[in-house]
Protein backbone atom coordinates (compact mmCIF):
# COMPACT_ATOMS: atom_id res chain seq x y z
CA ARG A 1 -74.66 40.67 -10.34
CA ASP A 2 -78.01 39.50 -8.96
CA PHE A 3 -79.59 38.83 -12.36
CA LEU A 4 -83.33 38.08 -12.20
CA MET A 5 -83.37 38.40 -8.39
CA GLY A 6 -82.89 42.14 -8.06
CA SER A 7 -81.09 41.46 -4.80
CA ALA A 8 -79.75 38.22 -3.36
CA ASP A 9 -80.00 39.99 0.00
CA ASP A 10 -83.79 40.40 -0.11
CA PHE A 11 -85.65 38.84 -3.03
CA LYS A 12 -89.17 40.07 -3.67
CA ALA A 13 -89.98 39.52 -7.33
CA LEU A 14 -88.30 38.77 -10.65
CA VAL A 15 -86.81 41.81 -12.38
CA PRO A 16 -88.96 42.31 -15.51
CA GLU A 17 -86.09 43.67 -17.63
CA ASP A 18 -83.87 40.71 -16.72
CA LEU A 19 -86.66 38.25 -17.45
CA GLU A 20 -87.15 39.77 -20.90
CA LYS A 21 -83.42 39.43 -21.62
CA LEU A 22 -83.57 35.77 -20.61
CA LYS A 23 -86.65 35.10 -22.73
CA THR A 24 -85.00 36.80 -25.73
CA ALA A 25 -81.95 34.55 -25.33
CA LEU A 26 -84.22 31.51 -25.08
CA ASP A 27 -86.02 32.56 -28.25
CA TRP A 28 -82.66 32.81 -30.04
CA ALA A 29 -81.75 29.36 -28.75
CA ASP A 30 -85.03 27.88 -29.93
CA ALA A 31 -84.58 29.39 -33.39
CA ALA A 32 -81.15 27.72 -33.53
CA LYS A 33 -82.60 24.43 -32.25
CA ILE A 34 -80.51 24.64 -29.06
CA LYS A 35 -81.88 23.35 -25.76
CA VAL A 36 -81.06 25.30 -22.59
CA VAL A 37 -80.75 24.34 -18.93
CA ILE A 38 -81.69 27.20 -16.62
CA GLY A 39 -79.02 26.94 -13.92
CA MET A 40 -78.65 29.39 -11.05
CA LEU A 41 -75.17 30.33 -9.90
CA SER A 42 -76.76 32.49 -7.19
CA LEU A 43 -79.94 32.29 -5.15
CA PRO A 44 -81.27 34.53 -2.38
CA GLY A 45 -78.78 34.23 0.47
CA ASP A 46 -76.34 32.32 -1.74
CA ARG A 47 -74.50 34.74 -4.00
CA TRP A 48 -71.87 33.15 -6.22
CA ALA A 49 -68.44 33.74 -4.66
CA GLN A 50 -67.07 35.35 -7.83
CA LEU A 51 -69.79 38.02 -7.58
CA ASN A 52 -69.01 38.90 -3.96
CA GLN A 53 -66.56 41.64 -3.05
CA PRO A 54 -64.33 40.63 -1.46
CA ARG A 55 -64.66 37.20 -3.05
CA ALA A 56 -66.12 34.82 -0.50
CA SER A 57 -68.66 32.01 -0.34
CA ASP A 58 -72.13 32.97 0.85
CA PHE A 59 -73.69 30.62 3.41
CA ARG A 60 -76.81 32.57 4.41
CA LEU A 61 -79.12 30.26 2.44
CA TYR A 62 -78.00 27.34 4.60
CA ARG A 63 -78.29 29.31 7.86
CA GLU A 64 -81.50 31.30 7.61
CA ARG A 65 -85.02 30.12 6.84
CA LYS A 66 -85.96 33.45 5.25
CA TYR A 67 -83.49 32.90 2.42
CA GLN A 68 -84.73 29.37 1.91
CA ASP A 69 -88.27 30.75 1.65
CA GLN A 70 -87.13 33.46 -0.75
CA SER A 71 -85.35 30.87 -2.93
CA VAL A 72 -88.49 28.74 -3.09
CA GLU A 73 -90.49 31.81 -4.12
CA PHE A 74 -87.85 32.77 -6.70
CA TRP A 75 -88.18 29.38 -8.40
CA ARG A 76 -91.97 29.48 -8.15
CA GLN A 77 -91.99 32.74 -10.10
CA LEU A 78 -89.28 31.72 -12.57
CA ALA A 79 -90.91 28.39 -13.46
CA ALA A 80 -94.25 30.14 -13.95
CA ALA A 81 -92.60 32.65 -16.28
CA LEU A 82 -90.74 30.04 -18.36
CA SER A 83 -93.14 27.09 -18.32
CA GLY A 84 -93.83 25.83 -21.82
CA HIS A 85 -90.92 27.60 -23.51
CA PRO A 86 -89.67 25.16 -26.15
CA ALA A 87 -85.97 25.89 -25.52
CA VAL A 88 -86.03 25.04 -21.81
CA ALA A 89 -84.63 21.55 -21.21
CA GLY A 90 -84.36 21.65 -17.43
CA TYR A 91 -84.12 23.65 -14.23
CA ASN A 92 -80.89 23.33 -12.23
CA ILE A 93 -81.96 24.65 -8.82
CA VAL A 94 -78.52 25.79 -7.66
CA ASN A 95 -75.03 25.27 -9.03
CA GLU A 96 -72.58 23.45 -6.77
CA PRO A 97 -74.17 23.79 -3.30
CA HIS A 98 -71.71 23.37 -0.45
CA PRO A 99 -73.32 23.54 3.02
CA ALA A 100 -70.94 20.87 4.34
CA LYS A 101 -68.02 23.28 3.94
CA LYS A 102 -68.89 25.00 7.25
CA LYS A 103 -69.39 23.37 10.64
CA ASP A 104 -72.56 25.32 11.40
CA THR A 105 -74.22 24.50 8.05
CA LYS A 106 -73.06 20.96 7.32
CA THR A 107 -76.28 19.53 8.78
CA PHE A 108 -78.39 21.58 6.36
CA ASP A 109 -80.99 19.27 4.79
CA LEU A 110 -80.35 19.91 1.11
CA SER A 111 -82.82 17.21 0.07
CA SER A 112 -85.68 18.81 2.01
CA PHE A 113 -84.83 22.19 0.50
CA TYR A 114 -84.90 20.64 -2.96
CA ASP A 115 -88.28 19.03 -2.21
CA ARG A 116 -89.74 22.45 -1.42
CA VAL A 117 -88.35 24.01 -4.59
CA ILE A 118 -89.56 21.13 -6.76
CA ALA A 119 -93.06 21.50 -5.31
CA ALA A 120 -93.00 25.23 -6.12
CA ILE A 121 -91.85 24.57 -9.69
CA ARG A 122 -94.53 21.92 -10.21
CA GLU A 123 -97.29 24.39 -9.40
CA SER A 124 -96.91 25.75 -12.93
CA ASP A 125 -94.63 23.30 -14.74
CA PRO A 126 -95.43 19.62 -14.18
CA THR A 127 -92.97 18.05 -16.60
CA THR A 128 -89.73 19.98 -17.20
CA PRO A 129 -86.86 17.99 -15.62
CA VAL A 130 -85.41 19.40 -12.41
CA ILE A 131 -81.65 18.95 -12.05
CA LEU A 132 -80.14 18.46 -8.60
CA ASP A 133 -76.48 18.92 -7.71
CA GLY A 134 -75.20 17.12 -4.63
CA ASP A 135 -73.34 18.71 -1.74
CA ASP A 136 -69.61 19.48 -1.78
CA TYR A 137 -69.84 21.60 -4.95
CA GLY A 138 -71.75 18.92 -6.80
CA SER A 139 -69.02 16.32 -6.31
CA PRO A 140 -69.56 12.57 -6.73
CA GLU A 141 -69.21 12.21 -2.95
CA GLY A 142 -71.80 14.93 -2.38
CA ILE A 143 -74.46 13.31 -4.53
CA GLU A 144 -74.28 10.26 -2.27
CA ARG A 145 -75.73 12.37 0.56
CA LEU A 146 -78.89 13.30 -1.36
CA ARG A 147 -82.17 11.58 -0.60
CA PRO A 148 -83.94 10.54 -3.82
CA ALA A 149 -86.72 12.97 -4.69
CA ALA A 150 -90.28 11.72 -5.07
CA ASP A 151 -90.71 13.59 -8.36
CA PRO A 152 -90.25 11.32 -11.41
CA ASN A 153 -88.70 14.02 -13.63
CA VAL A 154 -85.47 14.58 -11.70
CA ILE A 155 -81.92 14.37 -13.01
CA TYR A 156 -79.04 14.00 -10.55
CA ALA A 157 -75.95 15.90 -11.63
CA PHE A 158 -72.36 15.80 -10.47
CA HIS A 159 -69.21 17.70 -11.42
CA TYR A 160 -65.88 15.96 -11.70
CA TYR A 161 -62.64 17.87 -12.33
CA GLY A 162 -60.07 15.45 -10.99
CA PRO A 163 -57.20 15.38 -10.91
CA TRP A 164 -57.53 19.16 -10.69
CA LYS A 165 -53.99 20.18 -11.60
CA TYR A 166 -54.18 18.03 -14.73
CA ALA A 167 -57.72 18.96 -15.79
CA SER A 168 -57.77 22.69 -14.99
CA GLY A 169 -55.19 23.95 -17.47
CA GLN A 170 -52.28 23.94 -15.00
CA ASN A 171 -50.63 20.94 -16.61
CA ARG A 172 -48.38 22.69 -19.16
CA ASN A 173 -46.81 19.34 -20.17
CA ARG A 174 -45.80 18.47 -16.60
CA TRP A 175 -47.98 15.34 -16.29
CA THR A 176 -49.45 12.74 -18.60
CA TYR A 177 -52.47 10.49 -18.31
CA PRO A 178 -52.31 7.75 -17.28
CA GLY A 179 -49.55 8.52 -14.83
CA MET A 180 -48.55 10.04 -11.50
CA ILE A 181 -50.42 13.32 -10.99
CA PRO A 182 -51.01 15.53 -7.89
CA GLU A 183 -54.56 14.92 -6.76
CA TRP A 184 -55.66 18.49 -5.88
CA GLU A 185 -54.39 22.04 -5.68
CA GLY A 186 -51.52 22.23 -3.20
CA ALA A 187 -51.14 18.46 -2.90
CA SER A 188 -47.63 17.48 -1.81
CA THR A 189 -47.94 13.91 -3.09
CA SER A 190 -49.11 12.35 -6.32
CA LYS A 191 -51.15 9.26 -7.15
CA TYR A 192 -51.44 7.10 -10.22
CA TRP A 193 -54.41 8.20 -12.34
CA ASP A 194 -55.92 5.81 -14.83
CA ALA A 195 -59.33 4.40 -15.66
CA ALA A 196 -59.36 2.38 -12.44
CA ALA A 197 -58.67 5.50 -10.34
CA ILE A 198 -61.50 7.36 -12.06
CA ALA A 199 -63.82 4.40 -11.46
CA VAL A 200 -63.08 4.70 -7.74
CA ALA A 201 -63.91 8.40 -7.87
CA MET A 202 -67.21 7.61 -9.66
CA ALA A 203 -68.21 4.89 -7.18
CA PRO A 204 -70.50 7.14 -5.08
CA VAL A 205 -72.50 8.03 -8.19
CA VAL A 206 -72.79 4.39 -9.24
């Protein structure tokens, strides 16, 4: 479950066997003329909830400096190992960060953390784009809280799944677009979703 890291509880070095599996997959992708974004679902101190038992979000990265340091070192090693591979199109530092979800981590400086990781990546790879998700699981609102990075090869990413009950496969012919649709899971009221409503949702990104 802690692919490449060995352990999200105490990262030391990349797992050689895992790295070889990744490189083999990248070689296959290159042969098929497919470009690949290396995106981490988990980092040291930030194990993906679906890989935790019992399933729960992991906030240690946002609470403890040692996990931030380990995550910087993880990316330093990974970028050094993959730099120059023709299939690699970008590095997505962490998928859907969410420090604002908890009171004691909502002041975590995600931008400063990203700056440290970018600097570590650039030690061995000066040009591959680095992809940054905003806070709040990479939402449009979360990207508004990022400080622009100084690095010129940065892509800002956001994830948009609204309205969730319509877009997530729960529709089953209950709602149509445009039309009145519940906004999120468990919503007791509906709103009218059309292009104008989506434009409002995209406003923070714009």
